[in-house]
Amino acid sequence: MSTSTIQQQRSSKKTAARALLSATVIGTLFLCWATFVNWQHGTHAAIHAGMGQGGVSFVMSMSMAFMLEFLFFYLPTSWSESHLL
């Protein structure tokens, strides 16, 4: 394996780890929030709401993290800098 291939594999593992960590934290926070807010409707409804909100938040956060990583690393630097000013 070449050095660039090894670096790309390490970079993709770090990207996946960051995305998984952020998605897990955000999914857990929204799961807890939805469960707490819906607790007055009964335990069954609160758990369903929490699992639904946590699952959707996890998937959305994971996909957004991967998209942001892609945009950050693969867009040309000159394009990004020229449009920010």
Protein backbone atom coordinates (compact mmCIF):
# COMPACT_ATOMS: atom_id res chain seq x y z
CA MET A 1 0.00 0.00 0.00
CA SER A 2 1.17 3.49 -0.74
CA THR A 3 1.45 6.20 1.86
CA SER A 4 -1.44 8.19 0.38
CA THR A 5 -3.73 5.15 0.53
CA ILE A 6 -2.93 4.62 4.21
CA GLN A 7 -3.53 8.31 4.94
CA GLN A 8 -6.86 8.21 3.12
CA GLN A 9 -7.94 5.17 5.16
CA ARG A 10 -6.97 6.89 8.41
CA SER A 11 -8.78 10.05 7.34
CA SER A 12 -11.95 8.14 6.44
CA LYS A 13 -11.86 6.31 9.79
CA LYS A 14 -11.52 9.62 11.63
CA THR A 15 -14.37 11.07 9.59
CA ALA A 16 -16.59 8.10 10.40
CA ALA A 17 -15.65 8.28 14.09
CA ARG A 18 -16.46 12.00 14.30
CA ALA A 19 -19.77 11.51 12.50
CA LEU A 20 -20.72 8.56 14.70
CA LEU A 21 -19.81 10.39 17.89
CA SER A 22 -21.77 13.52 17.02
CA ALA A 23 -24.77 11.53 15.80
CA THR A 24 -24.79 9.43 18.98
CA VAL A 25 -24.61 12.47 21.27
CA ILE A 26 -27.29 14.38 19.37
CA GLY A 27 -29.54 11.32 19.04
CA THR A 28 -29.26 10.63 22.77
CA LEU A 29 -30.02 14.24 23.69
CA PHE A 30 -33.15 14.35 21.53
CA LEU A 31 -34.23 10.90 22.73
CA CYS A 32 -34.08 12.11 26.34
CA TRP A 33 -35.78 15.39 25.50
CA ALA A 34 -38.68 13.77 23.64
CA THR A 35 -39.15 11.18 26.38
CA PHE A 36 -39.19 13.85 29.08
CA VAL A 37 -41.59 16.15 27.22
CA ASN A 38 -44.05 13.33 26.43
CA TRP A 39 -43.92 11.67 29.83
CA GLN A 40 -47.32 13.12 30.80
CA HIS A 41 -48.94 11.08 28.01
CA GLY A 42 -47.85 7.81 29.60
CA THR A 43 -44.72 5.72 29.63
CA HIS A 44 -45.53 3.86 26.42
CA ALA A 45 -46.14 7.05 24.42
CA ALA A 46 -43.09 8.75 25.91
CA ILE A 47 -40.79 5.87 24.98
CA HIS A 48 -42.19 5.71 21.45
CA ALA A 49 -41.76 9.45 21.00
CA GLY A 50 -38.22 9.31 22.42
CA MET A 51 -37.17 6.40 20.22
CA GLY A 52 -38.65 8.05 17.14
CA GLN A 53 -37.08 11.43 17.79
CA GLY A 54 -33.74 9.90 18.79
CA GLY A 55 -33.64 7.69 15.70
CA VAL A 56 -34.49 10.48 13.29
CA SER A 57 -32.01 12.82 14.98
CA PHE A 58 -29.28 10.17 14.80
CA VAL A 59 -29.80 9.55 11.07
CA MET A 60 -30.03 13.25 10.21
CA SER A 61 -26.96 14.12 12.27
CA MET A 62 -24.95 11.29 10.74
CA SER A 63 -25.84 12.29 7.19
CA MET A 64 -25.20 15.99 7.86
CA ALA A 65 -21.82 15.23 9.46
CA PHE A 66 -20.73 13.21 6.43
CA MET A 67 -21.93 15.94 4.06
CA LEU A 68 -20.07 18.63 5.99
CA GLU A 69 -16.89 16.55 6.09
CA PHE A 70 -17.17 16.01 2.34
CA LEU A 71 -17.70 19.69 1.64
CA PHE A 72 -14.86 20.73 3.94
CA PHE A 73 -12.27 18.35 2.53
CA TYR A 74 -13.22 18.14 -1.14
CA LEU A 75 -14.23 21.66 -2.13
CA PRO A 76 -11.39 23.72 -3.53
CA THR A 77 -9.96 26.08 -0.94
CA SER A 78 -9.89 29.04 -3.31
CA TRP A 79 -13.64 28.69 -3.99
CA SER A 80 -14.49 28.59 -0.28
CA GLU A 81 -12.35 31.57 0.61
CA SER A 82 -13.42 33.74 -2.31
CA HIS A 83 -17.14 33.38 -1.52
CA LEU A 84 -16.80 34.06 2.19
CA LEU A 85 -15.50 37.59 1.74
